[in-house]
Amino acid sequence: MPNQEFEQLVAAALENLPSFFKEKLENVDVVVEEWPSPDIAKGRLLLGLYQGVPKTKRGAGYTMVLPDKITIFKGPIELVSRGDQEAIKNLVTDTVQHEIAHHFGISDARLRQLKKG
């Protein structure tokens, strides 16, 4: 998939977030990279990565800081989706939502619990 088309999927996933989350999303930079570096991936297949201080951990002195960063990795998403356009779109949406959840302080363990119902 061309980079521009993939980036449009990421932008659409952000645009389609529930308004409650969009309104509270602040100081976050969302970027697309082809693959995570080996030192970041540490042998894992990463689809996305949140780097920053979750909103639940920020204190009163949390000012004048660089934005949190959410990276969506194109290569792993295409690999897992086996090039299927609809699967790529769905996985981009899921990955964006997953990383946004980390911005709001929701852990991987809690996300697994929520998915189980």
PDB file of N, CA and C in Angstrom:
ATOM      1  N   MET A   1       0.852  -1.171   0.000  1.00  0.00           N
ATOM      2  CA  MET A   1       0.000   0.000   0.000  1.00  0.00           C
ATOM      3  C   MET A   1       0.900   1.238   0.000  1.00  0.00           C
ATOM      4  N   PRO A   2       0.599   2.198  -0.843  1.00  0.00           N
ATOM      5  CA  PRO A   2       1.401   3.430  -0.857  1.00  0.00           C
ATOM      6  C   PRO A   2       1.356   4.140   0.505  1.00  0.00           C
ATOM      7  N   ASN A   3       2.457   4.790   0.862  1.00  0.00           N
ATOM      8  CA  ASN A   3       2.553   5.476   2.153  1.00  0.00           C
ATOM      9  C   ASN A   3       1.426   6.480   2.362  1.00  0.00           C
ATOM     10  N   GLN A   4       1.115   7.265   1.333  1.00  0.00           N
ATOM     11  CA  GLN A   4       0.080   8.288   1.460  1.00  0.00           C
ATOM     12  C   GLN A   4      -1.277   7.665   1.804  1.00  0.00           C
ATOM     13  N   GLU A   5      -1.595   6.538   1.180  1.00  0.00           N
ATOM     14  CA  GLU A   5      -2.864   5.865   1.451  1.00  0.00           C
ATOM     15  C   GLU A   5      -2.894   5.333   2.890  1.00  0.00           C
ATOM     16  N   PHE A   6      -1.768   4.781   3.330  1.00  0.00           N
ATOM     17  CA  PHE A   6      -1.677   4.268   4.697  1.00  0.00           C
ATOM     18  C   PHE A   6      -1.851   5.416   5.700  1.00  0.00           C
ATOM     19  N   GLU A   7      -1.195   6.533   5.439  1.00  0.00           N
ATOM     20  CA  GLU A   7      -1.305   7.698   6.321  1.00  0.00           C
ATOM     21  C   GLU A   7      -2.740   8.226   6.363  1.00  0.00           C
ATOM     22  N   GLN A   8      -3.457   8.112   5.254  1.00  0.00           N
ATOM     23  CA  GLN A   8      -4.859   8.522   5.225  1.00  0.00           C
ATOM     24  C   GLN A   8      -5.707   7.610   6.115  1.00  0.00           C
ATOM     25  N   LEU A   9      -5.363   6.320   6.164  1.00  0.00           N
ATOM     26  CA  LEU A   9      -6.077   5.398   7.051  1.00  0.00           C
ATOM     27  C   LEU A   9      -5.854   5.784   8.512  1.00  0.00           C
ATOM     28  N   VAL A  10      -4.620   6.165   8.846  1.00  0.00           N
ATOM     29  CA  VAL A  10      -4.310   6.591  10.212  1.00  0.00           C
ATOM     30  C   VAL A  10      -5.094   7.866  10.537  1.00  0.00           C
ATOM     31  N   ALA A  11      -5.096   8.820   9.615  1.00  0.00           N
ATOM     32  CA  ALA A  11      -5.833  10.065   9.823  1.00  0.00           C
ATOM     33  C   ALA A  11      -7.327   9.798   9.999  1.00  0.00           C
ATOM     34  N   ALA A  12      -7.867   8.882   9.216  1.00  0.00           N
ATOM     35  CA  ALA A  12      -9.290   8.535   9.328  1.00  0.00           C
ATOM     36  C   ALA A  12      -9.584   7.877  10.675  1.00  0.00           C
ATOM     37  N   ALA A  13      -8.668   7.029  11.137  1.00  0.00           N
ATOM     38  CA  ALA A  13      -8.856   6.383  12.440  1.00  0.00           C
ATOM     39  C   ALA A  13      -8.887   7.427  13.557  1.00  0.00           C
ATOM     40  N   LEU A  14      -8.039   8.430  13.454  1.00  0.00           N
ATOM     41  CA  LEU A  14      -8.041   9.512  14.444  1.00  0.00           C
ATOM     42  C   LEU A  14      -9.319  10.340  14.352  1.00  0.00           C
ATOM     43  N   GLU A  15      -9.722  10.640  13.136  1.00  0.00           N
ATOM     44  CA  GLU A  15     -10.928  11.439  12.921  1.00  0.00           C
ATOM     45  C   GLU A  15     -12.181  10.727  13.438  1.00  0.00           C
ATOM     46  N   ASN A  16     -12.188   9.396  13.366  1.00  0.00           N
ATOM     47  CA  ASN A  16     -13.364   8.624  13.753  1.00  0.00           C
ATOM     48  C   ASN A  16     -13.370   8.197  15.220  1.00  0.00           C
ATOM     49  N   LEU A  17     -12.414   8.705  15.998  1.00  0.00           N
ATOM     50  CA  LEU A  17     -12.449   8.441  17.436  1.00  0.00           C
ATOM     51  C   LEU A  17     -13.718   9.055  18.019  1.00  0.00           C
ATOM     52  N   PRO A  18     -14.265   8.447  19.058  1.00  0.00           N
ATOM     53  CA  PRO A  18     -15.412   9.081  19.719  1.00  0.00           C
ATOM     54  C   PRO A  18     -15.046  10.494  20.166  1.00  0.00           C
ATOM     55  N   SER A  19     -15.992  11.414  20.080  1.00  0.00           N
ATOM     56  CA  SER A  19     -15.717  12.813  20.387  1.00  0.00           C
ATOM     57  C   SER A  19     -15.186  12.988  21.807  1.00  0.00           C
ATOM     58  N   PHE A  20     -15.619  12.149  22.734  1.00  0.00           N
ATOM     59  CA  PHE A  20     -15.124  12.231  24.107  1.00  0.00           C
ATOM     60  C   PHE A  20     -13.600  12.136  24.128  1.00  0.00           C
ATOM     61  N   PHE A  21     -13.035  11.214  23.355  1.00  0.00           N
ATOM     62  CA  PHE A  21     -11.589  11.043  23.326  1.00  0.00           C
ATOM     63  C   PHE A  21     -10.910  12.141  22.509  1.00  0.00           C
ATOM     64  N   LYS A  22     -11.493  12.485  21.372  1.00  0.00           N
ATOM     65  CA  LYS A  22     -10.895  13.533  20.528  1.00  0.00           C
ATOM     66  C   LYS A  22     -10.774  14.849  21.276  1.00  0.00           C
ATOM     67  N   GLU A  23     -11.787  15.187  22.060  1.00  0.00           N
ATOM     68  CA  GLU A  23     -11.782  16.453  22.797  1.00  0.00           C
ATOM     69  C   GLU A  23     -10.707  16.475  23.884  1.00  0.00           C
ATOM     70  N   LYS A  24     -10.366  15.324  24.420  1.00  0.00           N
ATOM     71  CA  LYS A  24      -9.407  15.245  25.526  1.00  0.00           C
ATOM     72  C   LYS A  24      -8.001  14.865  25.070  1.00  0.00           C
ATOM     73  N   LEU A  25      -7.850  14.610  23.792  1.00  0.00           N
ATOM     74  CA  LEU A  25      -6.550  14.266  23.227  1.00  0.00           C
ATOM     75  C   LEU A  25      -5.746  15.545  23.064  1.00  0.00           C
ATOM     76  N   GLU A  26      -4.609  15.624  23.751  1.00  0.00           N
ATOM     77  CA  GLU A  26      -3.816  16.840  23.667  1.00  0.00           C
ATOM     78  C   GLU A  26      -2.333  16.521  23.775  1.00  0.00           C
ATOM     79  N   ASN A  27      -1.555  17.332  23.092  1.00  0.00           N
ATOM     80  CA  ASN A  27      -0.101  17.219  23.130  1.00  0.00           C
ATOM     81  C   ASN A  27       0.366  15.825  22.706  1.00  0.00           C
ATOM     82  N   VAL A  28      -0.195  15.327  21.602  1.00  0.00           N
ATOM     83  CA  VAL A  28       0.158  14.009  21.071  1.00  0.00           C
ATOM     84  C   VAL A  28       0.483  14.152  19.587  1.00  0.00           C
ATOM     85  N   ASP A  29       1.596  13.593  19.211  1.00  0.00           N
ATOM     86  CA  ASP A  29       2.002  13.564  17.810  1.00  0.00           C
ATOM     87  C   ASP A  29       1.857  12.132  17.317  1.00  0.00           C
ATOM     88  N   VAL A  30       1.094  11.927  16.254  1.00  0.00           N
ATOM     89  CA  VAL A  30       0.902  10.591  15.686  1.00  0.00           C
ATOM     90  C   VAL A  30       1.669  10.533  14.372  1.00  0.00           C
ATOM     91  N   VAL A  31       2.572   9.565  14.266  1.00  0.00           N
ATOM     92  CA  VAL A  31       3.410   9.430  13.087  1.00  0.00           C
ATOM     93  C   VAL A  31       3.341   7.997  12.560  1.00  0.00           C
ATOM     94  N   VAL A  32       3.713   7.858  11.297  1.00  0.00           N
ATOM     95  CA  VAL A  32       3.796   6.547  10.663  1.00  0.00           C
ATOM     96  C   VAL A  32       5.260   6.283  10.334  1.00  0.00           C
ATOM     97  N   GLU A  33       5.719   5.099  10.685  1.00  0.00           N
ATOM     98  CA  GLU A  33       7.052   4.640  10.311  1.00  0.00           C
ATOM     99  C   GLU A  33       6.910   3.275   9.658  1.00  0.00           C
ATOM    100  N   GLU A  34       7.890   2.934   8.845  1.00  0.00           N
ATOM    101  CA  GLU A  34       7.824   1.654   8.134  1.00  0.00           C
ATOM    102  C   GLU A  34       7.929   0.478   9.105  1.00  0.00           C
ATOM    103  N   TRP A  35       8.989   0.441   9.911  1.00  0.00           N
ATOM    104  CA  TRP A  35       9.233  -0.650  10.861  1.00  0.00           C
ATOM    105  C   TRP A  35       9.835  -0.077  12.130  1.00  0.00           C
ATOM    106  N   PRO A  36       9.605  -0.725  13.279  1.00  0.00           N
ATOM    107  CA  PRO A  36      10.295  -0.284  14.493  1.00  0.00           C
ATOM    108  C   PRO A  36      11.756  -0.714  14.432  1.00  0.00           C
ATOM    109  N   SER A  37      12.613   0.039  15.082  1.00  0.00           N
ATOM    110  CA  SER A  37      14.020  -0.350  15.147  1.00  0.00           C
ATOM    111  C   SER A  37      14.138  -1.600  16.027  1.00  0.00           C
ATOM    112  N   PRO A  38      15.183  -2.410  15.819  1.00  0.00           N
ATOM    113  CA  PRO A  38      15.352  -3.626  16.624  1.00  0.00           C
ATOM    114  C   PRO A  38      15.427  -3.348  18.129  1.00  0.00           C
ATOM    115  N   ASP A  39      16.023  -2.225  18.529  1.00  0.00           N
ATOM    116  CA  ASP A  39      16.111  -1.933  19.960  1.00  0.00           C
ATOM    117  C   ASP A  39      14.748  -1.574  20.557  1.00  0.00           C
ATOM    118  N   ILE A  40      13.829  -1.099  19.742  1.00  0.00           N
ATOM    119  CA  ILE A  40      12.471  -0.820  20.227  1.00  0.00           C
ATOM    120  C   ILE A  40      11.631  -2.090  20.179  1.00  0.00           C
ATOM    121  N   ALA A  41      11.718  -2.833  19.099  1.00  0.00           N
ATOM    122  CA  ALA A  41      10.897  -4.028  18.932  1.00  0.00           C
ATOM    123  C   ALA A  41      11.303  -5.144  19.898  1.00  0.00           C
ATOM    124  N   LYS A  42      12.581  -5.257  20.170  1.00  0.00           N
ATOM    125  CA  LYS A  42      13.094  -6.290  21.093  1.00  0.00           C
ATOM    126  C   LYS A  42      12.541  -7.669  20.766  1.00  0.00           C
ATOM    127  N   GLY A  43      12.531  -8.005  19.468  1.00  0.00           N
ATOM    128  CA  GLY A  43      12.087  -9.321  19.033  1.00  0.00           C
ATOM    129  C   GLY A  43      10.580  -9.484  18.909  1.00  0.00           C
ATOM    130  N   ARG A  44       9.828  -8.434  19.198  1.00  0.00           N
ATOM    131  CA  ARG A  44       8.367  -8.495  19.099  1.00  0.00           C
ATOM    132  C   ARG A  44       7.916  -7.892  17.772  1.00  0.00           C
ATOM    133  N   LEU A  45       6.755  -8.280  17.336  1.00  0.00           N
ATOM    134  CA  LEU A  45       6.151  -7.680  16.147  1.00  0.00           C
ATOM    135  C   LEU A  45       5.249  -6.544  16.621  1.00  0.00           C
ATOM    136  N   LEU A  46       5.769  -5.324  16.593  1.00  0.00           N
ATOM    137  CA  LEU A  46       5.020  -4.161  17.070  1.00  0.00           C
ATOM    138  C   LEU A  46       4.217  -3.525  15.944  1.00  0.00           C
ATOM    139  N   LEU A  47       2.950  -3.309  16.200  1.00  0.00           N
ATOM    140  CA  LEU A  47       2.092  -2.621  15.239  1.00  0.00           C
ATOM    141  C   LEU A  47       2.046  -1.127  15.530  1.00  0.00           C
ATOM    142  N   GLY A  48       2.200  -0.791  16.807  1.00  0.00           N
ATOM    143  CA  GLY A  48       2.177   0.601  17.229  1.00  0.00           C
ATOM    144  C   GLY A  48       2.929   0.760  18.533  1.00  0.00           C
ATOM    145  N   LEU A  49       3.242   2.004  18.861  1.00  0.00           N
ATOM    146  CA  LEU A  49       3.993   2.285  20.081  1.00  0.00           C
ATOM    147  C   LEU A  49       3.588   3.643  20.631  1.00  0.00           C
ATOM    148  N   TYR A  50       3.286   3.675  21.932  1.00  0.00           N
ATOM    149  CA  TYR A  50       3.009   4.919  22.634  1.00  0.00           C
ATOM    150  C   TYR A  50       4.238   5.274  23.460  1.00  0.00           C
ATOM    151  N   GLN A  51       4.711   6.498  23.311  1.00  0.00           N
ATOM    152  CA  GLN A  51       5.828   6.996  24.096  1.00  0.00           C
ATOM    153  C   GLN A  51       5.404   8.313  24.718  1.00  0.00           C
ATOM    154  N   GLY A  52       5.395   8.361  26.021  1.00  0.00           N
ATOM    155  CA  GLY A  52       5.006   9.590  26.697  1.00  0.00           C
ATOM    156  C   GLY A  52       4.581   9.331  28.124  1.00  0.00           C
ATOM    157  N   VAL A  53       3.931  10.315  28.689  1.00  0.00           N
ATOM    158  CA  VAL A  53       3.421  10.229  30.052  1.00  0.00           C
ATOM    159  C   VAL A  53       1.894  10.162  29.957  1.00  0.00           C
ATOM    160  N   PRO A  54       1.302   9.022  30.360  1.00  0.00           N
ATOM    161  CA  PRO A  54      -0.161   8.919  30.297  1.00  0.00           C
ATOM    162  C   PRO A  54      -0.834  10.027  31.100  1.00  0.00           C
ATOM    163  N   LYS A  55      -1.989  10.436  30.640  1.00  0.00           N
ATOM    164  CA  LYS A  55      -2.706  11.538  31.294  1.00  0.00           C
ATOM    165  C   LYS A  55      -2.953  11.252  32.773  1.00  0.00           C
ATOM    166  N   THR A  56      -3.127   9.988  33.130  1.00  0.00           N
ATOM    167  CA  THR A  56      -3.390   9.626  34.529  1.00  0.00           C
ATOM    168  C   THR A  56      -2.159   9.784  35.414  1.00  0.00           C
ATOM    169  N   LYS A  57      -0.981   9.940  34.831  1.00  0.00           N
ATOM    170  CA  LYS A  57       0.268  10.072  35.593  1.00  0.00           C
ATOM    171  C   LYS A  57       0.797  11.507  35.629  1.00  0.00           C
ATOM    172  N   ARG A  58       0.091  12.409  35.001  1.00  0.00           N
ATOM    173  CA  ARG A  58       0.555  13.796  34.926  1.00  0.00           C
ATOM    174  C   ARG A  58       0.136  14.568  36.171  1.00  0.00           C
ATOM    175  N   GLY A  59       1.069  15.311  36.701  1.00  0.00           N
ATOM    176  CA  GLY A  59       0.774  16.128  37.869  1.00  0.00           C
ATOM    177  C   GLY A  59       0.563  17.571  37.484  1.00  0.00           C
ATOM    178  N   ALA A  60       0.420  18.402  38.507  1.00  0.00           N
ATOM    179  CA  ALA A  60       0.168  19.823  38.299  1.00  0.00           C
ATOM    180  C   ALA A  60       1.337  20.503  37.589  1.00  0.00           C
ATOM    181  N   GLY A  61       2.551  19.984  37.774  1.00  0.00           N
ATOM    182  CA  GLY A  61       3.722  20.590  37.158  1.00  0.00           C
ATOM    183  C   GLY A  61       4.011  20.100  35.752  1.00  0.00           C
ATOM    184  N   TYR A  62       3.066  19.394  35.164  1.00  0.00           N
ATOM    185  CA  TYR A  62       3.273  18.851  33.817  1.00  0.00           C
ATOM    186  C   TYR A  62       3.014  19.947  32.788  1.00  0.00           C
ATOM    187  N   THR A  63       4.060  20.702  32.493  1.00  0.00           N
ATOM    188  CA  THR A  63       3.951  21.786  31.504  1.00  0.00           C
ATOM    189  C   THR A  63       5.248  21.858  30.714  1.00  0.00           C
ATOM    190  N   MET A  64       5.183  22.519  29.593  1.00  0.00           N
ATOM    191  CA  MET A  64       6.366  22.774  28.768  1.00  0.00           C
ATOM    192  C   MET A  64       7.127  21.485  28.423  1.00  0.00           C
ATOM    193  N   VAL A  65       6.391  20.462  28.021  1.00  0.00           N
ATOM    194  CA  VAL A  65       7.005  19.186  27.669  1.00  0.00           C
ATOM    195  C   VAL A  65       6.771  18.894  26.195  1.00  0.00           C
ATOM    196  N   LEU A  66       7.638  18.079  25.646  1.00  0.00           N
ATOM    197  CA  LEU A  66       7.445  17.638  24.266  1.00  0.00           C
ATOM    198  C   LEU A  66       6.172  16.816  24.176  1.00  0.00           C
ATOM    199  N   PRO A  67       5.560  16.758  23.005  1.00  0.00           N
ATOM    200  CA  PRO A  67       4.346  15.951  22.863  1.00  0.00           C
ATOM    201  C   PRO A  67       4.618  14.466  23.083  1.00  0.00           C
ATOM    202  N   ASP A  68       3.599  13.773  23.560  1.00  0.00           N
ATOM    203  CA  ASP A  68       3.646  12.321  23.544  1.00  0.00           C
ATOM    204  C   ASP A  68       3.728  11.913  22.080  1.00  0.00           C
ATOM    205  N   LYS A  69       4.207  10.713  21.840  1.00  0.00           N
ATOM    206  CA  LYS A  69       4.355  10.254  20.456  1.00  0.00           C
ATOM    207  C   LYS A  69       3.701   8.887  20.309  1.00  0.00           C
ATOM    208  N   ILE A  70       2.856   8.787  19.310  1.00  0.00           N
ATOM    209  CA  ILE A  70       2.269   7.504  18.924  1.00  0.00           C
ATOM    210  C   ILE A  70       2.793   7.191  17.537  1.00  0.00           C
ATOM    211  N   THR A  71       3.423   6.036  17.424  1.00  0.00           N
ATOM    212  CA  THR A  71       3.955   5.596  16.137  1.00  0.00           C
ATOM    213  C   THR A  71       3.154   4.395  15.668  1.00  0.00           C
ATOM    214  N   ILE A  72       2.689   4.468  14.441  1.00  0.00           N
ATOM    215  CA  ILE A  72       1.989   3.353  13.807  1.00  0.00           C
ATOM    216  C   ILE A  72       2.951   2.770  12.776  1.00  0.00           C
ATOM    217  N   PHE A  73       3.205   1.462  12.871  1.00  0.00           N
ATOM    218  CA  PHE A  73       4.200   0.815  12.014  1.00  0.00           C
ATOM    219  C   PHE A  73       3.523   0.129  10.823  1.00  0.00           C
ATOM    220  N   LYS A  74       3.786   0.676   9.664  1.00  0.00           N
ATOM    221  CA  LYS A  74       3.154   0.223   8.421  1.00  0.00           C
ATOM    222  C   LYS A  74       3.541  -1.220   8.054  1.00  0.00           C
ATOM    223  N   GLY A  75       4.830  -1.529   8.087  1.00  0.00           N
ATOM    224  CA  GLY A  75       5.294  -2.852   7.669  1.00  0.00           C
ATOM    225  C   GLY A  75       4.658  -3.988   8.434  1.00  0.00           C
ATOM    226  N   PRO A  76       4.694  -3.959   9.767  1.00  0.00           N
ATOM    227  CA  PRO A  76       4.079  -5.048  10.528  1.00  0.00           C
ATOM    228  C   PRO A  76       2.572  -5.166  10.300  1.00  0.00           C
ATOM    229  N   ILE A  77       1.887  -4.044  10.156  1.00  0.00           N
ATOM    230  CA  ILE A  77       0.442  -4.093   9.912  1.00  0.00           C
ATOM    231  C   ILE A  77       0.159  -4.743   8.560  1.00  0.00           C
ATOM    232  N   GLU A  78       0.939  -4.371   7.545  1.00  0.00           N
ATOM    233  CA  GLU A  78       0.749  -4.998   6.224  1.00  0.00           C
ATOM    234  C   GLU A  78       1.084  -6.488   6.281  1.00  0.00           C
ATOM    235  N   LEU A  79       2.112  -6.842   7.032  1.00  0.00           N
ATOM    236  CA  LEU A  79       2.511  -8.247   7.164  1.00  0.00           C
ATOM    237  C   LEU A  79       1.401  -9.069   7.813  1.00  0.00           C
ATOM    238  N   VAL A  80       0.892  -8.602   8.929  1.00  0.00           N
ATOM    239  CA  VAL A  80      -0.155  -9.323   9.646  1.00  0.00           C
ATOM    240  C   VAL A  80      -1.433  -9.399   8.809  1.00  0.00           C
ATOM    241  N   SER A  81      -1.714  -8.344   8.064  1.00  0.00           N
ATOM    242  CA  SER A  81      -2.928  -8.284   7.246  1.00  0.00           C
ATOM    243  C   SER A  81      -2.789  -9.018   5.915  1.00  0.00           C
ATOM    244  N   ARG A  82      -1.570  -9.459   5.625  1.00  0.00           N
ATOM    245  CA  ARG A  82      -1.279 -10.179   4.366  1.00  0.00           C
ATOM    246  C   ARG A  82      -1.712  -9.393   3.142  1.00  0.00           C
ATOM    247  N   GLY A  83      -1.598  -8.062   3.247  1.00  0.00           N
ATOM    248  CA  GLY A  83      -1.898  -7.214   2.098  1.00  0.00           C
ATOM    249  C   GLY A  83      -3.374  -6.990   1.834  1.00  0.00           C
ATOM    250  N   ASP A  84      -4.258  -7.600   2.628  1.00  0.00           N
ATOM    251  CA  ASP A  84      -5.699  -7.433   2.439  1.00  0.00           C
ATOM    252  C   ASP A  84      -6.098  -6.018   2.857  1.00  0.00           C
ATOM    253  N   GLN A  85      -6.624  -5.235   1.927  1.00  0.00           N
ATOM    254  CA  GLN A  85      -6.915  -3.817   2.159  1.00  0.00           C
ATOM    255  C   GLN A  85      -7.875  -3.599   3.332  1.00  0.00           C
ATOM    256  N   GLU A  86      -8.920  -4.392   3.408  1.00  0.00           N
ATOM    257  CA  GLU A  86      -9.897  -4.234   4.493  1.00  0.00           C
ATOM    258  C   GLU A  86      -9.276  -4.613   5.837  1.00  0.00           C
ATOM    259  N   ALA A  87      -8.472  -5.659   5.847  1.00  0.00           N
ATOM    260  CA  ALA A  87      -7.788  -6.065   7.080  1.00  0.00           C
ATOM    261  C   ALA A  87      -6.800  -4.988   7.528  1.00  0.00           C
ATOM    262  N   ILE A  88      -6.098  -4.373   6.579  1.00  0.00           N
ATOM    263  CA  ILE A  88      -5.172  -3.290   6.915  1.00  0.00           C
ATOM    264  C   ILE A  88      -5.947  -2.136   7.552  1.00  0.00           C
ATOM    265  N   LYS A  89      -7.047  -1.751   6.935  1.00  0.00           N
ATOM    266  CA  LYS A  89      -7.857  -0.644   7.471  1.00  0.00           C
ATOM    267  C   LYS A  89      -8.307  -0.954   8.895  1.00  0.00           C
ATOM    268  N   ASN A  90      -8.819  -2.157   9.124  1.00  0.00           N
ATOM    269  CA  ASN A  90      -9.298  -2.533  10.451  1.00  0.00           C
ATOM    270  C   ASN A  90      -8.169  -2.572  11.474  1.00  0.00           C
ATOM    271  N   LEU A  91      -7.023  -3.085  11.068  1.00  0.00           N
ATOM    272  CA  LEU A  91      -5.891  -3.186  11.983  1.00  0.00           C
ATOM    273  C   LEU A  91      -5.309  -1.808  12.299  1.00  0.00           C
ATOM    274  N   VAL A  92      -5.302  -0.918  11.318  1.00  0.00           N
ATOM    275  CA  VAL A  92      -4.867   0.464  11.583  1.00  0.00           C
ATOM    276  C   VAL A  92      -5.787   1.094  12.621  1.00  0.00           C
ATOM    277  N   THR A  93      -7.084   0.953  12.433  1.00  0.00           N
ATOM    278  CA  THR A  93      -8.054   1.518  13.383  1.00  0.00           C
ATOM    279  C   THR A  93      -7.845   0.945  14.773  1.00  0.00           C
ATOM    280  N   ASP A  94      -7.723  -0.374  14.875  1.00  0.00           N
ATOM    281  CA  ASP A  94      -7.514  -1.022  16.177  1.00  0.00           C
ATOM    282  C   ASP A  94      -6.216  -0.552  16.826  1.00  0.00           C
ATOM    283  N   THR A  95      -5.159  -0.442  16.036  1.00  0.00           N
ATOM    284  CA  THR A  95      -3.855  -0.047  16.568  1.00  0.00           C
ATOM    285  C   THR A  95      -3.882   1.399  17.049  1.00  0.00           C
ATOM    286  N   VAL A  96      -4.478   2.288  16.276  1.00  0.00           N
ATOM    287  CA  VAL A  96      -4.589   3.688  16.688  1.00  0.00           C
ATOM    288  C   VAL A  96      -5.375   3.774  17.996  1.00  0.00           C
ATOM    289  N   GLN A  97      -6.490   3.098  18.076  1.00  0.00           N
ATOM    290  CA  GLN A  97      -7.306   3.133  19.285  1.00  0.00           C
ATOM    291  C   GLN A  97      -6.538   2.565  20.480  1.00  0.00           C
ATOM    292  N   HIS A  98      -5.792   1.493  20.255  1.00  0.00           N
ATOM    293  CA  HIS A  98      -4.997   0.857  21.313  1.00  0.00           C
ATOM    294  C   HIS A  98      -3.959   1.828  21.867  1.00  0.00           C
ATOM    295  N   GLU A  99      -3.236   2.492  20.981  1.00  0.00           N
ATOM    296  CA  GLU A  99      -2.194   3.416  21.424  1.00  0.00           C
ATOM    297  C   GLU A  99      -2.792   4.668  22.063  1.00  0.00           C
ATOM    298  N   ILE A 100      -3.922   5.133  21.570  1.00  0.00           N
ATOM    299  CA  ILE A 100      -4.615   6.263  22.190  1.00  0.00           C
ATOM    300  C   ILE A 100      -5.047   5.889  23.608  1.00  0.00           C
ATOM    301  N   ALA A 101      -5.484   4.651  23.797  1.00  0.00           N
ATOM    302  CA  ALA A 101      -5.870   4.189  25.131  1.00  0.00           C
ATOM    303  C   ALA A 101      -4.699   4.312  26.100  1.00  0.00           C
ATOM    304  N   HIS A 102      -3.489   4.005  25.638  1.00  0.00           N
ATOM    305  CA  HIS A 102      -2.309   4.161  26.497  1.00  0.00           C
ATOM    306  C   HIS A 102      -2.111   5.630  26.888  1.00  0.00           C
ATOM    307  N   HIS A 103      -2.377   6.550  25.967  1.00  0.00           N
ATOM    308  CA  HIS A 103      -2.286   7.980  26.264  1.00  0.00           C
ATOM    309  C   HIS A 103      -3.214   8.346  27.432  1.00  0.00           C
ATOM    310  N   PHE A 104      -4.350   7.664  27.503  1.00  0.00           N
ATOM    311  CA  PHE A 104      -5.314   7.925  28.567  1.00  0.00           C
ATOM    312  C   PHE A 104      -5.073   7.060  29.801  1.00  0.00           C
ATOM    313  N   GLY A 105      -3.950   6.332  29.813  1.00  0.00           N
ATOM    314  CA  GLY A 105      -3.564   5.582  31.003  1.00  0.00           C
ATOM    315  C   GLY A 105      -4.129   4.176  31.099  1.00  0.00           C
ATOM    316  N   ILE A 106      -4.665   3.660  30.022  1.00  0.00           N
ATOM    317  CA  ILE A 106      -5.224   2.304  30.039  1.00  0.00           C
ATOM    318  C   ILE A 106      -4.116   1.324  29.667  1.00  0.00           C
ATOM    319  N   SER A 107      -3.860   0.361  30.537  1.00  0.00           N
ATOM    320  CA  SER A 107      -2.772  -0.600  30.337  1.00  0.00           C
ATOM    321  C   SER A 107      -3.172  -1.697  29.349  1.00  0.00           C
ATOM    322  N   ASP A 108      -2.170  -2.440  28.894  1.00  0.00           N
ATOM    323  CA  ASP A 108      -2.441  -3.582  28.008  1.00  0.00           C
ATOM    324  C   ASP A 108      -3.327  -4.605  28.712  1.00  0.00           C
ATOM    325  N   ALA A 109      -3.054  -4.847  29.996  1.00  0.00           N
ATOM    326  CA  ALA A 109      -3.855  -5.821  30.754  1.00  0.00           C
ATOM    327  C   ALA A 109      -5.318  -5.380  30.811  1.00  0.00           C
ATOM    328  N   ARG A 110      -5.542  -4.107  31.069  1.00  0.00           N
ATOM    329  CA  ARG A 110      -6.918  -3.593  31.127  1.00  0.00           C
ATOM    330  C   ARG A 110      -7.583  -3.639  29.754  1.00  0.00           C
ATOM    331  N   LEU A 111      -6.839  -3.359  28.710  1.00  0.00           N
ATOM    332  CA  LEU A 111      -7.399  -3.459  27.353  1.00  0.00           C
ATOM    333  C   LEU A 111      -7.828  -4.882  27.033  1.00  0.00           C
ATOM    334  N   ARG A 112      -7.014  -5.864  27.471  1.00  0.00           N
ATOM    335  CA  ARG A 112      -7.396  -7.268  27.256  1.00  0.00           C
ATOM    336  C   ARG A 112      -8.689  -7.589  28.005  1.00  0.00           C
ATOM    337  N   GLN A 113      -8.817  -7.100  29.235  1.00  0.00           N
ATOM    338  CA  GLN A 113     -10.033  -7.326  30.005  1.00  0.00           C
ATOM    339  C   GLN A 113     -11.255  -6.716  29.306  1.00  0.00           C
ATOM    340  N   LEU A 114     -11.076  -5.506  28.795  1.00  0.00           N
ATOM    341  CA  LEU A 114     -12.188  -4.837  28.128  1.00  0.00           C
ATOM    342  C   LEU A 114     -12.615  -5.569  26.870  1.00  0.00           C
ATOM    343  N   LYS A 115     -11.653  -6.139  26.144  1.00  0.00           N
ATOM    344  CA  LYS A 115     -12.000  -6.863  24.911  1.00  0.00           C
ATOM    345  C   LYS A 115     -12.750  -8.154  25.205  1.00  0.00           C
ATOM    346  N   LYS A 116     -12.470  -8.766  26.356  1.00  0.00           N
ATOM    347  CA  LYS A 116     -13.164 -10.002  26.734  1.00  0.00           C
ATOM    348  C   LYS A 116     -14.613  -9.726  27.089  1.00  0.00           C
ATOM    349  N   GLY A 117     -14.894  -8.491  27.436  1.00  0.00           N
ATOM    350  CA  GLY A 117     -16.260  -8.112  27.744  1.00  0.00           C
ATOM    351  C   GLY A 117     -16.476  -8.088  29.191  1.00  0.00           C
TER     352      GLY A 117
END
